[in-house]
């Protein structure tokens, strides 16, 4: 039985897509069967794993529209054990198109029913907003992982996200759990980074992953080559961080 984890935070630039791609690749390397779903109209997870966004004919948009099945949309990647359901810029229109549909929050959940058991983990890279796309991901998910960057405004907006999660639990998905808070873009030389880590750990103690994702040049270079950090530079600090996170996720769910 696969576990669906939505990777969400309505703030942009906190490392959602970086985490989605590299956690998915790390779980794949650790011999778990993984599906990555790009649910962001920017389609960065799609291009970041080496797929030409322009060539995408069937992806998340068709899935949410129910014009194609999930099986139609799956593409194999060059990373071991990792498949992707890609996104295309047309995903921008889905929020408007679903607005008057019945059960619009459940479109993704019902689309994934047929394939949930084919994977150990299904990771959803969410858009940086709390709109209908993210709502679909949270309704479909078993849990949500929240990346938080170690910067000044880190905790701003977190309350809003946690409230959204609470209302999703109440109305659409009582089973939704918080997988954990993931600290990203950590720079040990900065006092601020260390303060944010302390603050988050103090407020949320057990909810915070032990693994902290450090700032790493190789990590930010990898997507421009259409590769995960595991393929791009397996010996880098970034690769070690994400492998460590993957092990933590596996241990938590075993």
Protein backbone atom coordinates (compact mmCIF):
# COMPACT_ATOMS: atom_id res chain seq x y z
CA UNK A 1 0.00 0.00 0.00
CA UNK A 2 1.64 3.24 -1.14
CA UNK A 3 1.90 6.28 1.07
CA UNK A 4 1.00 9.63 -0.49
CA UNK A 5 3.00 12.58 0.87
CA UNK A 6 2.15 16.13 -0.22
CA UNK A 7 5.11 18.52 -0.02
CA UNK A 8 3.50 21.87 0.67
CA UNK A 9 4.09 25.41 1.82
CA UNK A 10 2.33 28.42 0.31
CA UNK A 11 5.55 30.42 0.51
CA UNK A 12 7.64 30.27 -2.64
CA UNK A 13 11.35 29.51 -2.59
CA UNK A 14 11.44 27.30 0.50
CA UNK A 15 12.78 24.21 -1.27
CA UNK A 16 9.55 22.32 -2.08
CA UNK A 17 10.57 21.27 -5.58
CA UNK A 18 14.19 20.60 -4.59
CA UNK A 19 12.88 18.39 -1.80
CA UNK A 20 10.30 16.66 -4.00
CA UNK A 21 12.86 15.74 -6.69
CA UNK A 22 15.71 14.76 -4.41
CA UNK A 23 13.71 12.93 -1.76
CA UNK A 24 11.99 10.98 -4.57
CA UNK A 25 15.36 10.12 -6.16
CA UNK A 26 16.86 9.16 -2.79
CA UNK A 27 13.95 6.86 -1.94
CA UNK A 28 14.36 5.31 -5.41
CA UNK A 29 18.06 4.67 -4.84
CA UNK A 30 17.14 3.05 -1.52
CA UNK A 31 15.06 0.58 -3.57
CA UNK A 32 11.62 2.01 -2.90
CA UNK A 33 9.25 2.35 -5.83
CA UNK A 34 8.40 6.04 -6.10
CA UNK A 35 6.02 8.22 -8.11
CA UNK A 36 6.57 11.98 -8.19
CA UNK A 37 3.54 14.10 -9.14
CA UNK A 38 4.18 17.63 -10.35
CA UNK A 39 1.17 19.66 -9.15
CA UNK A 40 2.73 23.07 -9.77
CA UNK A 41 1.94 24.96 -13.02
CA UNK A 42 5.57 26.15 -13.08
CA UNK A 43 6.44 22.51 -13.82
CA UNK A 44 9.87 22.80 -12.19
CA UNK A 45 9.84 19.24 -10.87
CA UNK A 46 9.17 18.04 -14.43
CA UNK A 47 12.07 19.96 -16.00
CA UNK A 48 14.27 19.39 -12.95
CA UNK A 49 14.13 15.63 -13.46
CA UNK A 50 15.02 15.97 -17.14
CA UNK A 51 11.67 15.99 -18.95
CA UNK A 52 10.95 18.52 -21.67
CA UNK A 53 7.87 20.37 -20.39
CA UNK A 54 6.79 21.36 -23.90
CA UNK A 55 6.55 17.71 -24.94
CA UNK A 56 4.14 16.80 -22.12
CA UNK A 57 0.84 15.68 -23.62
CA UNK A 58 -0.70 13.90 -20.67
CA UNK A 59 0.05 15.11 -17.16
CA UNK A 60 -1.46 16.39 -13.93
CA UNK A 61 -3.94 18.59 -15.81
CA UNK A 62 -5.53 15.64 -17.63
CA UNK A 63 -5.50 13.69 -14.37
CA UNK A 64 -7.46 16.36 -12.52
CA UNK A 65 -9.84 16.74 -15.42
CA UNK A 66 -10.29 12.97 -15.48
CA UNK A 67 -9.76 12.99 -19.26
CA UNK A 68 -6.91 10.47 -18.84
CA UNK A 69 -6.07 7.87 -16.24
CA UNK A 70 -3.03 8.07 -13.99
CA UNK A 71 -1.47 5.14 -15.87
CA UNK A 72 -1.62 7.19 -19.11
CA UNK A 73 0.27 10.05 -17.48
CA UNK A 74 3.18 8.14 -15.91
CA UNK A 75 6.64 8.61 -17.43
CA UNK A 76 9.73 6.64 -16.39
CA UNK A 77 12.71 8.78 -15.39
CA UNK A 78 16.41 8.02 -15.70
CA UNK A 79 16.58 7.65 -11.91
CA UNK A 80 16.21 4.07 -10.59
CA UNK A 81 12.67 3.20 -9.36
CA UNK A 82 11.37 6.71 -10.01
CA UNK A 83 8.39 7.57 -12.23
CA UNK A 84 6.80 10.99 -12.68
CA UNK A 85 3.42 12.41 -13.62
CA UNK A 86 4.59 15.64 -15.27
CA UNK A 87 3.03 19.10 -15.35
CA UNK A 88 2.62 21.63 -18.13
CA UNK A 89 1.81 25.35 -18.03
CA UNK A 90 -1.81 24.43 -18.92
CA UNK A 91 -2.21 23.42 -15.27
CA UNK A 92 -2.71 27.15 -14.55
CA UNK A 93 -6.24 26.86 -15.96
CA UNK A 94 -7.35 23.97 -13.79
CA UNK A 95 -8.35 26.08 -10.77
CA UNK A 96 -10.86 28.01 -12.90
CA UNK A 97 -12.10 24.92 -14.74
CA UNK A 98 -12.76 22.93 -11.58
CA UNK A 99 -14.47 25.74 -9.72
CA UNK A 100 -18.03 24.65 -10.47
CA UNK A 101 -17.37 20.90 -10.62
CA UNK A 102 -18.85 18.69 -7.97
CA UNK A 103 -16.32 17.08 -5.57
CA UNK A 104 -13.63 19.32 -7.05
CA UNK A 105 -11.36 18.81 -4.01
CA UNK A 106 -11.34 15.03 -4.59
CA UNK A 107 -10.26 14.93 -8.27
CA UNK A 108 -6.67 13.94 -7.53
CA UNK A 109 -7.63 11.46 -4.81
CA UNK A 110 -9.95 9.55 -7.13
CA UNK A 111 -7.43 9.68 -10.01
CA UNK A 112 -4.76 8.03 -7.84
CA UNK A 113 -6.93 5.19 -6.51
CA UNK A 114 -5.93 2.76 -9.29
CA UNK A 115 -2.18 3.20 -8.90
CA UNK A 116 -1.72 3.79 -5.18
CA UNK A 117 -0.75 0.18 -4.58
CA UNK A 118 1.84 0.15 -7.38
CA UNK A 119 4.23 2.36 -5.39
CA UNK A 120 5.84 2.52 -1.95
CA UNK A 121 5.71 6.33 -1.96
CA UNK A 122 3.86 8.91 -4.02
CA UNK A 123 5.22 12.44 -3.53
CA UNK A 124 3.24 15.48 -4.67
CA UNK A 125 5.13 18.70 -5.38
CA UNK A 126 2.57 21.41 -4.56
CA UNK A 127 2.20 24.89 -6.00
CA UNK A 128 3.20 27.84 -3.77
CA UNK A 129 -0.38 28.77 -2.92
CA UNK A 130 -3.27 27.42 -0.90
CA UNK A 131 -5.56 27.17 -3.94
CA UNK A 132 -7.51 24.27 -5.35
CA UNK A 133 -4.40 22.44 -6.61
CA UNK A 134 -2.85 22.31 -3.15
CA UNK A 135 -6.23 21.45 -1.64
CA UNK A 136 -6.46 18.48 -4.03
CA UNK A 137 -2.99 17.34 -2.95
CA UNK A 138 -3.84 17.62 0.76
CA UNK A 139 -7.14 15.78 0.24
CA UNK A 140 -5.37 12.99 -1.67
CA UNK A 141 -2.44 12.78 0.75
CA UNK A 142 -1.88 10.51 3.73
CA UNK A 143 0.46 13.12 5.13
CA UNK A 144 2.06 16.48 4.42
CA UNK A 145 5.73 17.46 4.63
CA UNK A 146 6.41 21.15 5.18
CA UNK A 147 9.77 22.58 4.06
CA UNK A 148 10.81 25.68 6.03
CA UNK A 149 13.80 27.72 4.98
CA UNK A 150 16.17 28.85 7.70
CA UNK A 151 15.58 32.54 7.07
CA UNK A 152 14.00 35.51 8.77
CA UNK A 153 10.41 35.07 7.56
CA UNK A 154 10.48 31.30 7.98
CA UNK A 155 7.66 31.03 10.48
CA UNK A 156 5.53 33.68 8.81
CA UNK A 157 2.70 31.95 7.00
CA UNK A 158 3.27 28.67 8.81
CA UNK A 159 0.27 29.31 11.08
CA UNK A 160 -1.88 29.89 8.00
CA UNK A 161 -0.71 26.62 6.44
CA UNK A 162 -1.34 24.68 9.66
CA UNK A 163 -4.87 26.17 9.81
CA UNK A 164 -5.49 25.07 6.22
CA UNK A 165 -4.29 21.58 7.12
CA UNK A 166 -6.65 21.58 10.12
CA UNK A 167 -9.64 22.54 7.99
CA UNK A 168 -8.73 19.90 5.37
CA UNK A 169 -8.61 17.35 8.21
CA UNK A 170 -11.99 18.52 9.42
CA UNK A 171 -13.81 18.70 6.08
CA UNK A 172 -12.09 16.61 3.41
CA UNK A 173 -9.49 14.27 4.82
CA UNK A 174 -9.61 13.29 8.51
CA UNK A 175 -6.73 10.85 7.89
CA UNK A 176 -4.24 13.59 6.91
CA UNK A 177 -1.15 13.54 9.12
CA UNK A 178 1.80 15.87 9.35
CA UNK A 179 4.79 13.86 8.11
CA UNK A 180 7.12 16.48 9.51
CA UNK A 181 8.69 19.92 9.19
CA UNK A 182 11.86 19.99 7.16
CA UNK A 183 14.44 22.72 7.70
CA UNK A 184 16.03 23.74 4.39
CA UNK A 185 18.71 26.16 3.10
CA UNK A 186 20.61 25.97 6.37
CA UNK A 187 23.92 27.82 6.59
CA UNK A 188 25.81 26.96 9.76
CA UNK A 189 27.84 30.19 9.52
CA UNK A 190 24.78 32.38 9.91
CA UNK A 191 23.51 33.16 13.36
CA UNK A 192 20.05 33.62 11.91
CA UNK A 193 20.02 30.08 10.48
CA UNK A 194 20.84 28.69 13.90
CA UNK A 195 18.17 30.84 15.56
CA UNK A 196 15.49 29.61 13.15
CA UNK A 197 16.49 25.98 13.78
CA UNK A 198 16.26 26.53 17.55
CA UNK A 199 12.93 28.35 17.25
CA UNK A 200 11.31 25.67 15.05
CA UNK A 201 12.63 22.81 17.19
CA UNK A 202 11.43 24.54 20.35
CA UNK A 203 7.89 25.10 19.01
CA UNK A 204 7.40 21.85 17.14
CA UNK A 205 9.95 19.47 18.74
CA UNK A 206 8.94 15.95 17.59
CA UNK A 207 7.38 17.19 14.37
CA UNK A 208 10.75 18.38 13.01
CA UNK A 209 12.91 16.03 10.95
CA UNK A 210 16.35 15.42 12.43
CA UNK A 211 17.86 15.84 8.98
CA UNK A 212 18.51 19.47 8.05
CA UNK A 213 19.07 20.36 4.38
CA UNK A 214 22.13 22.57 4.10
CA UNK A 215 22.78 25.23 1.48
CA UNK A 216 24.79 23.53 -1.23
CA UNK A 217 25.95 24.84 -4.62
CA UNK A 218 25.69 21.41 -6.27
CA UNK A 219 22.09 21.16 -5.08
CA UNK A 220 21.12 24.39 -6.82
CA UNK A 221 23.05 23.48 -10.00
CA UNK A 222 21.48 20.03 -10.48
CA UNK A 223 18.03 21.08 -11.83
CA UNK A 224 19.57 23.12 -14.66
CA UNK A 225 21.04 19.83 -15.91
CA UNK A 226 17.68 18.08 -15.51
CA UNK A 227 19.10 15.80 -12.84
CA UNK A 228 18.46 14.99 -9.21
CA UNK A 229 21.39 15.59 -6.87
CA UNK A 230 21.81 11.79 -6.67
CA UNK A 231 22.50 11.61 -10.43
CA UNK A 232 24.37 14.91 -10.60
CA UNK A 233 26.78 14.55 -7.69
CA UNK A 234 26.18 11.61 -5.39
CA UNK A 235 29.07 12.55 -3.11
CA UNK A 236 27.86 16.10 -2.43
CA UNK A 237 26.58 17.38 0.88
CA UNK A 238 23.15 17.84 -0.73
CA UNK A 239 22.98 14.18 -1.78
CA UNK A 240 23.97 13.07 1.72
CA UNK A 241 21.31 15.29 3.28
CA UNK A 242 18.52 13.92 1.07
CA UNK A 243 19.61 10.31 1.49
CA UNK A 244 19.55 10.87 5.23
CA UNK A 245 16.04 12.36 4.96
CA UNK A 246 14.89 9.40 2.84
CA UNK A 247 16.15 6.97 5.49
CA UNK A 248 14.32 8.96 8.15
CA UNK A 249 11.07 8.81 6.14
CA UNK A 250 11.48 5.04 5.59
CA UNK A 251 12.16 4.41 9.29
CA UNK A 252 9.18 6.52 10.29
CA UNK A 253 6.89 4.54 8.01
CA UNK A 254 8.21 1.01 8.53
